[in-house]
């Protein structure tokens, strides 16, 4: 019996953890007893079962400050239910894990996410709370999962605990055989947050003639609106609202000249491993997480001048084949699913 905690829920409608859960489930495996905890705030239609998993809805938001009671409630419900394994995605409710251990013998596996406390979007108090929650999660979980070797290195240096490294699959993004072409634009895709080096990417392309298609949630924050206002009038920069349909993303990805990845925090990023399956050259921000994800084989940039130079040298890139080889070897859902189920009782 397995209970999965810490996501908005399934069917997946939000982000990386939700996509992970979506791909752990399988309608062809009815013998697995799995419960997924879902936020009733995010689903108008509430299914009792999905892909042979039972869904339990709680009347709280799964993100923001409500994620703390949401995760704690889920943990308590799972423990009382008598589950054998609890997979906790994120550390929001980790302060509850020591108490849960008092009345359950369940094996607790926690994916600590991408060092959430380091993200610039959090204030001082939130960062301290998330750091404390991370410490509790690492100390009291039976198994700690890191999605990137860089995070696993941090866990052993900070806490003296070895983490299991399990990344994300990206092969779901390739919905049919590739028919690659070059429509003349570079592609960037991310949540519009400062730590994803959005401004660095925009400023760099504003100094070149290369067309950029930048997809993101521009209207969801003051920062995003500021960036949109500042750069939307450049003829070579196309500010695009979020695209969630896999078929549309598939077409945009297979037609781009190359992909620009600006993430500087968060471990292995789902949008990066998805793109690695498309046999396109990748320019990534130079940090240990991106180097670990791409095995040092991407083209790396560290500032505006560096990225401008790389954009102007795009014809000299030659990492597309190695990106796809790494993706097929490490970032398929078949591999990731087996790695997770190997951890459970």
Protein backbone atom coordinates (compact mmCIF):
# COMPACT_ATOMS: atom_id res chain seq x y z
CA UNK A 1 0.00 0.00 0.00
CA UNK A 2 1.44 3.36 -1.07
CA UNK A 3 0.24 6.89 -0.25
CA UNK A 4 1.54 9.84 -2.30
CA UNK A 5 1.53 13.24 -0.60
CA UNK A 6 2.53 16.79 -1.50
CA UNK A 7 1.07 17.45 -4.95
CA UNK A 8 -1.94 19.30 -6.31
CA UNK A 9 -3.13 15.89 -7.47
CA UNK A 10 -3.96 13.93 -10.59
CA UNK A 11 -4.82 14.15 -13.41
CA UNK A 12 -1.71 16.34 -13.57
CA UNK A 13 -2.57 20.01 -13.93
CA UNK A 14 0.32 21.91 -12.38
CA UNK A 15 4.01 21.03 -12.41
CA UNK A 16 6.87 18.57 -12.13
CA UNK A 17 5.73 16.60 -9.09
CA UNK A 18 2.26 16.18 -10.56
CA UNK A 19 3.75 14.88 -13.80
CA UNK A 20 5.88 12.50 -11.75
CA UNK A 21 2.82 11.05 -10.01
CA UNK A 22 0.95 10.84 -13.31
CA UNK A 23 3.73 8.63 -14.64
CA UNK A 24 4.06 6.48 -11.52
CA UNK A 25 0.44 5.41 -11.99
CA UNK A 26 -0.63 2.89 -14.60
CA UNK A 27 -4.14 1.78 -15.51
CA UNK A 28 -2.64 -1.55 -16.62
CA UNK A 29 -1.45 -2.34 -13.08
CA UNK A 30 -4.65 -2.85 -11.04
CA UNK A 31 -2.89 -4.83 -8.30
CA UNK A 32 -0.99 -1.87 -6.89
CA UNK A 33 -2.78 -0.27 -3.92
CA UNK A 34 -2.01 3.44 -4.33
CA UNK A 35 -3.68 6.50 -2.80
CA UNK A 36 -2.98 10.01 -4.11
CA UNK A 37 -3.91 13.06 -2.02
CA UNK A 38 -5.41 15.90 -4.06
CA UNK A 39 -6.48 19.50 -3.46
CA UNK A 40 -10.24 19.85 -3.95
CA UNK A 41 -9.58 23.54 -4.73
CA UNK A 42 -8.00 22.53 -8.05
CA UNK A 43 -10.56 20.05 -9.35
CA UNK A 44 -14.14 20.77 -10.34
CA UNK A 45 -14.73 17.14 -11.18
CA UNK A 46 -13.63 14.86 -8.36
CA UNK A 47 -12.94 11.32 -9.48
CA UNK A 48 -12.84 8.52 -6.94
CA UNK A 49 -10.21 6.61 -8.90
CA UNK A 50 -7.67 7.55 -11.57
CA UNK A 51 -5.35 5.05 -13.31
CA UNK A 52 -6.28 2.51 -10.62
CA UNK A 53 -5.23 4.85 -7.79
CA UNK A 54 -7.70 6.00 -5.15
CA UNK A 55 -7.98 9.79 -4.88
CA UNK A 56 -8.51 11.54 -1.54
CA UNK A 57 -9.48 15.22 -1.71
CA UNK A 58 -8.66 17.76 0.99
CA UNK A 59 -10.25 21.26 1.07
CA UNK A 60 -6.96 23.19 1.09
CA UNK A 61 -4.62 24.61 -1.53
CA UNK A 62 -1.58 22.45 -2.22
CA UNK A 63 0.70 25.47 -2.75
CA UNK A 64 1.57 28.59 -0.79
CA UNK A 65 1.13 28.78 2.97
CA UNK A 66 -1.75 26.29 2.92
CA UNK A 67 0.64 23.60 1.66
CA UNK A 68 1.80 23.12 5.27
CA UNK A 69 -1.56 22.04 6.78
CA UNK A 70 -2.41 20.31 3.48
CA UNK A 71 0.64 18.05 3.72
CA UNK A 72 0.25 17.50 7.47
CA UNK A 73 -3.40 16.51 7.05
CA UNK A 74 -2.44 14.14 4.23
CA UNK A 75 0.33 12.55 6.31
CA UNK A 76 -1.96 12.01 9.28
CA UNK A 77 -4.71 10.52 7.11
CA UNK A 78 -2.25 8.15 5.41
CA UNK A 79 -0.76 7.02 8.73
CA UNK A 80 -4.17 6.39 10.30
CA UNK A 81 -5.23 4.50 7.17
CA UNK A 82 -2.39 2.06 7.80
CA UNK A 83 -0.39 2.53 4.61
CA UNK A 84 2.90 0.65 4.19
CA UNK A 85 4.76 3.34 2.24
CA UNK A 86 4.43 7.12 2.24
CA UNK A 87 6.00 9.08 -0.62
CA UNK A 88 6.29 12.74 0.41
CA UNK A 89 7.00 15.17 -2.41
CA UNK A 90 8.45 18.39 -0.98
CA UNK A 91 9.15 19.43 2.61
CA UNK A 92 6.22 21.72 3.46
CA UNK A 93 4.69 19.31 5.98
CA UNK A 94 7.91 17.64 7.10
CA UNK A 95 7.67 19.09 10.63
CA UNK A 96 4.95 16.49 11.16
CA UNK A 97 7.06 13.46 10.21
CA UNK A 98 8.60 12.86 13.70
CA UNK A 99 5.09 12.72 15.22
CA UNK A 100 3.77 10.50 12.42
CA UNK A 101 6.50 8.02 13.31
CA UNK A 102 4.92 7.58 16.77
CA UNK A 103 1.88 5.79 15.37
CA UNK A 104 2.90 4.28 12.05
CA UNK A 105 5.46 1.74 10.84
CA UNK A 106 5.17 2.99 7.29
CA UNK A 107 8.34 3.51 5.30
CA UNK A 108 8.65 7.25 4.63
CA UNK A 109 10.41 8.32 1.43
CA UNK A 110 10.81 12.09 0.97
CA UNK A 111 11.83 13.89 -2.19
CA UNK A 112 13.18 17.16 -0.77
CA UNK A 113 12.68 18.99 -4.08
CA UNK A 114 15.19 21.60 -5.24
CA UNK A 115 16.36 23.21 -1.98
CA UNK A 116 13.19 25.28 -1.91
CA UNK A 117 14.48 27.53 0.88
CA UNK A 118 17.09 29.02 -1.45
CA UNK A 119 14.55 30.43 -3.91
CA UNK A 120 14.47 34.22 -4.15
CA UNK A 121 10.67 34.37 -4.12
CA UNK A 122 10.53 33.51 -0.40
CA UNK A 123 10.92 36.02 2.41
CA UNK A 124 13.28 35.57 5.35
CA UNK A 125 10.79 33.76 7.61
CA UNK A 126 9.64 31.41 4.84
CA UNK A 127 13.25 30.55 3.97
CA UNK A 128 14.06 29.72 7.60
CA UNK A 129 10.94 27.58 7.93
CA UNK A 130 11.67 25.67 4.71
CA UNK A 131 15.29 25.11 5.74
CA UNK A 132 14.11 23.74 9.10
CA UNK A 133 11.55 21.53 7.35
CA UNK A 134 14.26 20.21 5.04
CA UNK A 135 16.41 19.33 8.08
CA UNK A 136 13.51 17.45 9.71
CA UNK A 137 12.68 15.64 6.46
CA UNK A 138 16.27 14.44 6.00
CA UNK A 139 16.62 13.37 9.64
CA UNK A 140 13.35 11.49 10.05
CA UNK A 141 12.65 9.99 6.62
CA UNK A 142 13.70 6.41 5.91
CA UNK A 143 14.90 7.41 2.45
CA UNK A 144 15.76 10.85 1.08
CA UNK A 145 15.39 11.35 -2.66
CA UNK A 146 17.28 14.06 -4.55
CA UNK A 147 16.47 14.72 -8.19
CA UNK A 148 20.02 15.81 -9.02
CA UNK A 149 23.54 14.80 -8.01
CA UNK A 150 24.20 18.42 -7.02
CA UNK A 151 21.43 18.19 -4.42
CA UNK A 152 22.61 14.75 -3.26
CA UNK A 153 26.10 16.22 -2.73
CA UNK A 154 24.55 19.05 -0.69
CA UNK A 155 22.58 16.58 1.47
CA UNK A 156 25.66 14.55 2.40
CA UNK A 157 27.75 17.68 3.03
CA UNK A 158 25.02 19.41 5.10
CA UNK A 159 23.55 16.43 6.97
CA UNK A 160 25.87 13.46 6.49
CA UNK A 161 23.04 11.47 4.87
CA UNK A 162 23.25 9.76 1.49
CA UNK A 163 20.32 10.51 -0.79
CA UNK A 164 18.97 8.37 -3.61
CA UNK A 165 19.30 10.26 -6.90
CA UNK A 166 16.16 9.91 -9.00
CA UNK A 167 15.50 12.52 -11.69
CA UNK A 168 12.41 13.02 -13.89
CA UNK A 169 11.33 11.50 -17.14
CA UNK A 170 10.99 13.66 -20.21
CA UNK A 171 9.96 11.23 -22.93
CA UNK A 172 6.25 12.05 -22.48
CA UNK A 173 6.97 15.34 -24.27
CA UNK A 174 7.74 13.51 -27.53
CA UNK A 175 4.19 12.61 -28.57
CA UNK A 176 5.06 11.20 -32.02
CA UNK A 177 8.10 10.65 -34.23
CA UNK A 178 10.29 13.73 -34.51
CA UNK A 179 10.25 15.69 -37.75
CA UNK A 180 12.95 18.19 -36.90
CA UNK A 181 13.27 21.54 -38.67
CA UNK A 182 14.68 25.00 -37.95
CA UNK A 183 12.12 27.79 -38.06
CA UNK A 184 14.73 30.36 -37.10
CA UNK A 185 13.92 31.01 -33.44
CA UNK A 186 15.56 30.09 -30.15
CA UNK A 187 13.18 28.75 -27.50
CA UNK A 188 13.03 29.45 -23.77
CA UNK A 189 10.37 28.03 -21.45
CA UNK A 190 10.04 28.53 -17.70
CA UNK A 191 8.18 30.08 -14.80
CA UNK A 192 8.95 33.76 -14.91
CA UNK A 193 11.05 34.16 -11.78
CA UNK A 194 14.36 36.00 -11.24
CA UNK A 195 16.25 32.82 -10.32
CA UNK A 196 15.55 31.46 -13.81
CA UNK A 197 17.69 34.29 -15.22
CA UNK A 198 14.80 35.59 -17.28
CA UNK A 199 16.22 39.10 -17.51
CA UNK A 200 19.67 37.82 -18.49
CA UNK A 201 18.17 35.85 -21.39
CA UNK A 202 15.96 38.72 -22.57
CA UNK A 203 18.73 41.30 -22.34
CA UNK A 204 21.11 39.04 -24.25
CA UNK A 205 18.72 38.50 -27.14
CA UNK A 206 17.87 42.21 -27.23
CA UNK A 207 21.50 42.75 -28.20
CA UNK A 208 21.35 40.30 -31.13
CA UNK A 209 19.27 39.75 -34.26
CA UNK A 210 18.37 36.18 -33.35
CA UNK A 211 14.66 35.62 -32.80
CA UNK A 212 13.63 34.40 -29.33
CA UNK A 213 10.34 32.77 -28.44
CA UNK A 214 10.03 32.96 -24.65
CA UNK A 215 7.08 31.08 -23.11
CA UNK A 216 6.07 31.75 -19.51
CA UNK A 217 3.53 33.04 -17.00
CA UNK A 218 4.34 36.71 -17.57
CA UNK A 219 1.20 38.11 -15.95
CA UNK A 220 1.46 36.22 -12.66
CA UNK A 221 3.89 38.55 -10.89
CA UNK A 222 5.16 42.11 -10.83
CA UNK A 223 8.53 40.82 -12.05
CA UNK A 224 6.95 39.07 -15.03
CA UNK A 225 4.90 42.11 -15.98
CA UNK A 226 8.00 44.31 -15.70
CA UNK A 227 10.00 42.02 -17.98
CA UNK A 228 7.16 41.82 -20.49
CA UNK A 229 6.78 45.58 -20.59
CA UNK A 230 10.51 46.16 -20.98
CA UNK A 231 11.20 43.64 -23.76
CA UNK A 232 7.99 43.01 -25.69
CA UNK A 233 8.65 45.76 -28.23
CA UNK A 234 11.88 44.24 -29.52
CA UNK A 235 11.17 42.87 -32.99
CA UNK A 236 13.17 39.70 -32.41
CA UNK A 237 11.63 38.85 -29.00
CA UNK A 238 8.29 37.09 -28.86
CA UNK A 239 6.75 37.11 -25.37
CA UNK A 240 4.37 34.12 -25.30
CA UNK A 241 1.74 33.24 -22.69
CA UNK A 242 1.95 29.79 -21.07
CA UNK A 243 1.44 26.81 -23.37
CA UNK A 244 0.29 23.66 -21.59
CA UNK A 245 -0.89 21.50 -24.49
CA UNK A 246 1.74 18.85 -25.20
CA UNK A 247 0.98 18.79 -28.93
CA UNK A 248 1.59 22.55 -29.25
CA UNK A 249 4.77 22.35 -27.17
CA UNK A 250 5.90 19.42 -29.28
CA UNK A 251 5.67 21.47 -32.47
CA UNK A 252 7.42 24.50 -30.95
CA UNK A 253 10.24 22.37 -29.58
CA UNK A 254 10.97 20.40 -32.72
CA UNK A 255 11.06 23.56 -34.87
CA UNK A 256 13.39 25.73 -32.77
CA UNK A 257 17.03 26.43 -33.64
CA UNK A 258 18.23 25.74 -30.09
CA UNK A 259 16.97 25.85 -26.51
CA UNK A 260 18.01 28.30 -23.77
CA UNK A 261 17.73 27.13 -20.17
CA UNK A 262 18.24 29.76 -17.48
CA UNK A 263 17.38 27.92 -14.27
CA UNK A 264 19.94 28.47 -11.51
CA UNK A 265 18.21 26.60 -8.66
CA UNK A 266 16.03 23.58 -8.11
CA UNK A 267 18.05 20.56 -9.17
CA UNK A 268 17.02 18.61 -12.26
CA UNK A 269 14.43 20.70 -14.07
CA UNK A 270 11.61 18.90 -15.93
CA UNK A 271 11.59 21.35 -18.85
CA UNK A 272 15.29 20.69 -19.43
CA UNK A 273 15.05 16.89 -19.47
CA UNK A 274 11.99 17.11 -21.71
CA UNK A 275 13.91 19.24 -24.18
CA UNK A 276 16.89 16.90 -24.12
CA UNK A 277 14.74 14.31 -25.91
CA UNK A 278 14.34 16.61 -28.94
CA UNK A 279 17.84 16.31 -30.40
CA UNK A 280 18.39 20.08 -30.28
CA UNK A 281 21.43 22.03 -29.09
CA UNK A 282 21.02 23.36 -25.54
CA UNK A 283 22.49 26.48 -23.93
CA UNK A 284 22.20 26.26 -20.15
CA UNK A 285 23.08 28.59 -17.31
CA UNK A 286 26.34 27.51 -15.74
CA UNK A 287 25.54 25.97 -12.36
CA UNK A 288 26.25 22.58 -10.81
CA UNK A 289 22.64 21.38 -11.25
CA UNK A 290 22.57 22.00 -15.00
CA UNK A 291 26.04 20.54 -15.44
CA UNK A 292 24.98 17.39 -13.57
CA UNK A 293 21.76 17.07 -15.59
CA UNK A 294 23.57 17.38 -18.92
CA UNK A 295 26.76 15.58 -17.84
CA UNK A 296 28.71 18.75 -18.73
CA UNK A 297 27.80 18.31 -22.40
CA UNK A 298 25.57 21.35 -22.91
CA UNK A 299 26.86 24.77 -23.92
CA UNK A 300 27.02 26.95 -20.80
CA UNK A 301 26.68 30.70 -20.18
CA UNK A 302 27.14 32.76 -17.03
CA UNK A 303 26.27 36.38 -17.89
CA UNK A 304 24.83 38.61 -20.62
CA UNK A 305 28.06 39.10 -22.55
CA UNK A 306 28.75 35.38 -22.45
CA UNK A 307 25.27 34.49 -23.71
CA UNK A 308 25.38 37.13 -26.47
CA UNK A 309 28.62 35.60 -27.72
CA UNK A 310 27.12 32.09 -27.62
CA UNK A 311 23.99 33.22 -29.52
CA UNK A 312 26.15 34.72 -32.24
CA UNK A 313 28.11 31.45 -32.45
CA UNK A 314 25.02 29.22 -32.65
CA UNK A 315 26.20 27.46 -35.80
CA UNK A 316 29.19 26.09 -33.92
CA UNK A 317 27.12 24.23 -31.29
CA UNK A 318 27.25 20.47 -31.43
CA UNK A 319 25.60 18.94 -28.35
CA UNK A 320 22.21 17.86 -29.72
CA UNK A 321 23.12 14.18 -30.18
CA UNK A 322 24.70 13.89 -26.74
CA UNK A 323 21.65 15.57 -25.12
CA UNK A 324 19.35 12.98 -26.67
CA UNK A 325 21.64 10.08 -25.75
CA UNK A 326 21.72 11.19 -22.10
CA UNK A 327 17.95 11.68 -22.08
CA UNK A 328 17.27 8.17 -23.40
CA UNK A 329 19.74 6.68 -20.92
CA UNK A 330 18.62 8.58 -17.81
CA UNK A 331 15.38 10.52 -18.29
CA UNK A 332 12.61 8.15 -19.33
CA UNK A 333 9.59 7.45 -17.14
CA UNK A 334 10.15 3.70 -17.35
CA UNK A 335 13.53 4.15 -15.67
CA UNK A 336 12.30 6.70 -13.11
CA UNK A 337 9.23 4.63 -12.19
CA UNK A 338 11.33 1.54 -11.53
CA UNK A 339 13.76 3.54 -9.41
CA UNK A 340 10.91 4.75 -7.18
CA UNK A 341 9.18 1.40 -6.82
CA UNK A 342 12.51 -0.20 -5.88
CA UNK A 343 12.42 1.99 -2.74
CA UNK A 344 9.03 0.83 -1.50
CA UNK A 345 8.39 -2.19 0.72
